[in-house]
N, C-alpha and C. Protein backbone atom coordinates (compact mmCIF):
# COMPACT_ATOMS: atom_id res chain seq x y z
N SER A 1 -12.40 17.97 29.91
CA SER A 1 -12.04 16.57 29.99
C SER A 1 -10.53 16.43 29.82
N SER A 2 -9.92 15.68 30.70
CA SER A 2 -8.48 15.48 30.60
C SER A 2 -8.19 14.20 29.84
N ARG A 3 -7.20 14.25 29.02
CA ARG A 3 -6.82 13.08 28.22
C ARG A 3 -5.78 12.27 28.95
N GLN A 4 -5.84 10.99 28.76
CA GLN A 4 -4.84 10.09 29.33
C GLN A 4 -3.66 10.01 28.37
N PRO A 5 -2.45 9.91 28.90
CA PRO A 5 -1.29 9.77 28.01
C PRO A 5 -1.35 8.45 27.24
N VAL A 6 -0.82 8.49 26.05
CA VAL A 6 -0.77 7.31 25.19
C VAL A 6 0.68 6.86 25.11
N THR A 7 0.92 5.59 25.40
CA THR A 7 2.26 5.03 25.28
C THR A 7 2.33 4.22 23.99
N ILE A 8 3.28 4.59 23.15
CA ILE A 8 3.45 3.90 21.86
C ILE A 8 4.85 3.32 21.82
N THR A 9 4.94 2.04 21.55
CA THR A 9 6.24 1.40 21.41
C THR A 9 6.48 1.05 19.95
N LYS A 10 7.72 0.83 19.62
CA LYS A 10 8.07 0.43 18.26
C LYS A 10 7.42 -0.91 17.92
N THR A 11 7.38 -1.81 18.90
CA THR A 11 6.75 -3.12 18.70
C THR A 11 5.27 -2.97 18.37
N HIS A 12 4.59 -2.08 19.10
CA HIS A 12 3.17 -1.85 18.84
C HIS A 12 2.96 -1.35 17.41
N LEU A 13 3.79 -0.40 17.00
CA LEU A 13 3.67 0.14 15.64
C LEU A 13 3.97 -0.92 14.59
N GLU A 14 5.00 -1.73 14.83
CA GLU A 14 5.37 -2.77 13.86
C GLU A 14 4.23 -3.75 13.64
N LYS A 15 3.44 -4.02 14.67
CA LYS A 15 2.29 -4.93 14.53
C LYS A 15 1.20 -4.32 13.66
N SER A 16 1.26 -3.02 13.44
CA SER A 16 0.24 -2.33 12.66
C SER A 16 0.71 -1.92 11.27
N PHE A 17 1.91 -2.36 10.87
CA PHE A 17 2.46 -1.97 9.57
C PHE A 17 1.59 -2.40 8.40
N HIS A 18 0.72 -3.39 8.60
CA HIS A 18 -0.13 -3.87 7.51
C HIS A 18 -1.34 -2.97 7.29
N LYS A 19 -1.49 -1.93 8.10
CA LYS A 19 -2.63 -1.00 8.02
C LYS A 19 -2.15 0.37 7.54
N PRO A 20 -3.09 1.15 6.99
CA PRO A 20 -2.73 2.53 6.66
C PRO A 20 -2.43 3.33 7.92
N LEU A 21 -1.53 4.28 7.82
CA LEU A 21 -1.15 5.11 8.95
C LEU A 21 -2.36 5.83 9.54
N SER A 22 -3.26 6.31 8.70
CA SER A 22 -4.43 7.03 9.20
C SER A 22 -5.32 6.13 10.06
N ASP A 23 -5.43 4.85 9.71
CA ASP A 23 -6.23 3.91 10.51
C ASP A 23 -5.59 3.68 11.88
N VAL A 24 -4.27 3.55 11.90
CA VAL A 24 -3.55 3.34 13.16
C VAL A 24 -3.69 4.58 14.04
N ALA A 25 -3.58 5.76 13.43
CA ALA A 25 -3.73 7.01 14.18
C ALA A 25 -5.13 7.09 14.81
N ASP A 26 -6.15 6.72 14.05
CA ASP A 26 -7.52 6.72 14.58
C ASP A 26 -7.65 5.77 15.76
N GLU A 27 -7.07 4.59 15.64
CA GLU A 27 -7.14 3.60 16.72
C GLU A 27 -6.48 4.12 18.00
N LEU A 28 -5.42 4.91 17.83
CA LEU A 28 -4.70 5.46 18.98
C LEU A 28 -5.32 6.75 19.50
N GLY A 29 -6.26 7.30 18.74
CA GLY A 29 -6.87 8.57 19.13
C GLY A 29 -5.96 9.76 18.89
N LEU A 30 -5.09 9.63 17.90
CA LEU A 30 -4.13 10.67 17.56
C LEU A 30 -4.28 11.06 16.10
N CYS A 31 -3.72 12.20 15.75
CA CYS A 31 -3.72 12.57 14.34
C CYS A 31 -2.52 11.91 13.67
N PRO A 32 -2.58 11.70 12.36
CA PRO A 32 -1.47 11.04 11.64
C PRO A 32 -0.13 11.77 11.81
N THR A 33 -0.15 13.08 11.92
CA THR A 33 1.10 13.83 12.07
C THR A 33 1.82 13.45 13.36
N VAL A 34 1.08 13.29 14.44
CA VAL A 34 1.68 12.91 15.72
C VAL A 34 2.27 11.50 15.61
N VAL A 35 1.56 10.60 14.95
CA VAL A 35 2.06 9.24 14.79
C VAL A 35 3.34 9.25 13.95
N LYS A 36 3.38 10.08 12.92
CA LYS A 36 4.60 10.20 12.11
C LYS A 36 5.78 10.70 12.95
N ARG A 37 5.52 11.68 13.80
CA ARG A 37 6.60 12.21 14.66
C ARG A 37 7.11 11.12 15.60
N VAL A 38 6.20 10.37 16.18
CA VAL A 38 6.59 9.28 17.08
C VAL A 38 7.41 8.25 16.30
N CYS A 39 6.96 7.93 15.10
CA CYS A 39 7.71 6.97 14.27
C CYS A 39 9.13 7.44 14.04
N ARG A 40 9.30 8.70 13.69
CA ARG A 40 10.65 9.22 13.44
C ARG A 40 11.52 9.12 14.68
N ARG A 41 10.94 9.41 15.84
CA ARG A 41 11.70 9.32 17.09
C ARG A 41 12.09 7.88 17.42
N LEU A 42 11.27 6.93 16.96
CA LEU A 42 11.55 5.52 17.21
C LEU A 42 12.38 4.88 16.10
N GLY A 43 12.79 5.68 15.11
CA GLY A 43 13.64 5.18 14.04
C GLY A 43 12.90 4.64 12.83
N ILE A 44 11.60 4.86 12.77
CA ILE A 44 10.81 4.44 11.60
C ILE A 44 10.69 5.66 10.70
N LEU A 45 11.44 5.68 9.61
CA LEU A 45 11.49 6.87 8.77
C LEU A 45 10.29 7.00 7.84
N LYS A 46 9.72 5.86 7.44
CA LYS A 46 8.58 5.91 6.53
C LYS A 46 7.63 4.78 6.87
N TRP A 47 6.33 5.09 6.91
CA TRP A 47 5.33 4.08 7.20
C TRP A 47 5.31 3.09 6.03
N PRO A 48 5.47 1.78 6.30
CA PRO A 48 5.67 0.81 5.22
C PRO A 48 4.42 0.40 4.44
N PHE A 49 3.22 0.68 4.94
CA PHE A 49 2.01 0.23 4.25
C PHE A 49 1.85 0.97 2.94
N LYS A 50 1.50 0.22 1.91
CA LYS A 50 1.19 0.82 0.61
C LYS A 50 -0.10 0.21 0.10
N ARG A 51 -0.97 1.06 -0.39
CA ARG A 51 -2.22 0.57 -0.99
C ARG A 51 -1.90 -0.06 -2.34
N PRO A 52 -2.64 -1.10 -2.72
CA PRO A 52 -2.42 -1.70 -4.04
C PRO A 52 -2.69 -0.66 -5.13
N ASN A 53 -1.84 -0.64 -6.13
CA ASN A 53 -1.97 0.29 -7.24
C ASN A 53 -2.94 -0.29 -8.26
N VAL A 54 -4.01 0.44 -8.55
CA VAL A 54 -5.04 -0.04 -9.48
C VAL A 54 -4.45 -0.24 -10.86
N HIS A 55 -3.57 0.64 -11.29
CA HIS A 55 -3.00 0.53 -12.63
C HIS A 55 -2.12 -0.71 -12.77
N GLU A 56 -1.38 -1.06 -11.72
CA GLU A 56 -0.54 -2.25 -11.77
C GLU A 56 -1.39 -3.50 -11.89
N SER A 57 -2.50 -3.57 -11.16
CA SER A 57 -3.32 -4.78 -11.22
C SER A 57 -3.98 -4.91 -12.59
N ARG A 58 -4.33 -3.79 -13.21
CA ARG A 58 -4.93 -3.85 -14.55
C ARG A 58 -3.91 -4.34 -15.57
N SER A 59 -2.69 -3.84 -15.50
CA SER A 59 -1.67 -4.27 -16.46
C SER A 59 -1.30 -5.72 -16.21
N ARG A 60 -1.34 -6.15 -14.95
CA ARG A 60 -1.05 -7.55 -14.64
C ARG A 60 -2.12 -8.45 -15.29
N ASP A 61 -3.39 -8.01 -15.27
CA ASP A 61 -4.46 -8.77 -15.91
C ASP A 61 -4.20 -8.88 -17.41
N ILE A 62 -3.71 -7.82 -18.01
CA ILE A 62 -3.41 -7.83 -19.44
C ILE A 62 -2.25 -8.78 -19.71
N ASP A 63 -1.19 -8.71 -18.88
CA ASP A 63 -0.03 -9.57 -19.08
C ASP A 63 -0.39 -11.04 -18.96
N ILE A 64 -1.21 -11.37 -17.99
CA ILE A 64 -1.63 -12.75 -17.80
C ILE A 64 -2.46 -13.20 -18.98
N GLY A 65 -3.22 -12.27 -19.55
CA GLY A 65 -4.03 -12.58 -20.72
C GLY A 65 -5.45 -12.92 -20.31
N THR A 66 -6.32 -11.95 -20.40
CA THR A 66 -7.71 -12.19 -20.05
C THR A 66 -8.50 -12.64 -21.28
N ASP A 67 -7.81 -12.84 -22.39
CA ASP A 67 -8.45 -13.31 -23.61
C ASP A 67 -8.86 -14.77 -23.43
N HIS A 68 -10.12 -15.04 -23.66
CA HIS A 68 -10.63 -16.39 -23.43
C HIS A 68 -10.74 -17.22 -24.71
N THR A 69 -10.20 -16.70 -25.83
CA THR A 69 -10.31 -17.44 -27.09
C THR A 69 -9.23 -18.49 -27.21
N GLY A 70 -8.15 -18.34 -26.47
CA GLY A 70 -7.07 -19.32 -26.54
C GLY A 70 -6.11 -19.07 -27.68
N SER A 71 -6.28 -17.98 -28.40
CA SER A 71 -5.42 -17.68 -29.53
C SER A 71 -4.10 -17.09 -29.06
N SER A 72 -2.98 -17.74 -29.44
CA SER A 72 -1.67 -17.22 -29.03
C SER A 72 -1.35 -15.92 -29.75
N GLU A 73 -1.89 -15.73 -30.96
CA GLU A 73 -1.64 -14.47 -31.68
C GLU A 73 -2.25 -13.31 -30.93
N GLN A 74 -3.46 -13.49 -30.45
CA GLN A 74 -4.12 -12.42 -29.71
C GLN A 74 -3.42 -12.19 -28.38
N MET A 75 -2.93 -13.24 -27.75
CA MET A 75 -2.25 -13.10 -26.47
C MET A 75 -0.97 -12.28 -26.64
N SER A 76 -0.19 -12.58 -27.69
CA SER A 76 1.05 -11.84 -27.89
C SER A 76 0.76 -10.40 -28.28
N LEU A 77 -0.32 -10.15 -28.99
CA LEU A 77 -0.70 -8.80 -29.36
C LEU A 77 -1.04 -8.00 -28.10
N VAL A 78 -1.76 -8.60 -27.20
CA VAL A 78 -2.11 -7.93 -25.95
C VAL A 78 -0.85 -7.62 -25.15
N ARG A 79 0.07 -8.54 -25.09
CA ARG A 79 1.31 -8.32 -24.34
C ARG A 79 2.15 -7.23 -24.99
N THR A 80 2.20 -7.19 -26.31
CA THR A 80 2.96 -6.16 -27.00
C THR A 80 2.37 -4.79 -26.70
N ASN A 81 1.06 -4.67 -26.78
CA ASN A 81 0.41 -3.39 -26.52
C ASN A 81 0.61 -2.94 -25.08
N SER A 82 0.56 -3.85 -24.12
CA SER A 82 0.74 -3.47 -22.72
C SER A 82 2.16 -3.02 -22.45
N SER A 83 3.15 -3.65 -23.11
CA SER A 83 4.55 -3.22 -22.89
C SER A 83 4.79 -1.87 -23.54
N GLU A 84 4.12 -1.57 -24.63
CA GLU A 84 4.26 -0.26 -25.27
C GLU A 84 3.70 0.84 -24.35
N LEU A 85 2.63 0.53 -23.64
CA LEU A 85 2.02 1.51 -22.74
C LEU A 85 2.95 1.86 -21.59
N ARG A 86 3.74 0.91 -21.13
CA ARG A 86 4.62 1.14 -19.98
C ARG A 86 5.80 2.04 -20.31
N GLU A 87 6.16 2.10 -21.57
CA GLU A 87 7.35 2.88 -21.98
C GLU A 87 7.05 4.31 -22.04
């Protein structure tokens, strides 16, 4: 079976920046390494998509204060402990 050539433009790639590189490669029928090479040739040095960091969202929940008692003492204690963890 002969494969058809794939034409990739910078504009096409930019429209897919919100997706993981591996998903875009699958859609194009290419491996991620080939897509990375094409990106470099088009001046895209790093794929901009980043997955949300689970640890950041957990610490954000702590900072916001998931304590439902309404106690400001407990809220400040939670914030103090979360800032100590980051150091």
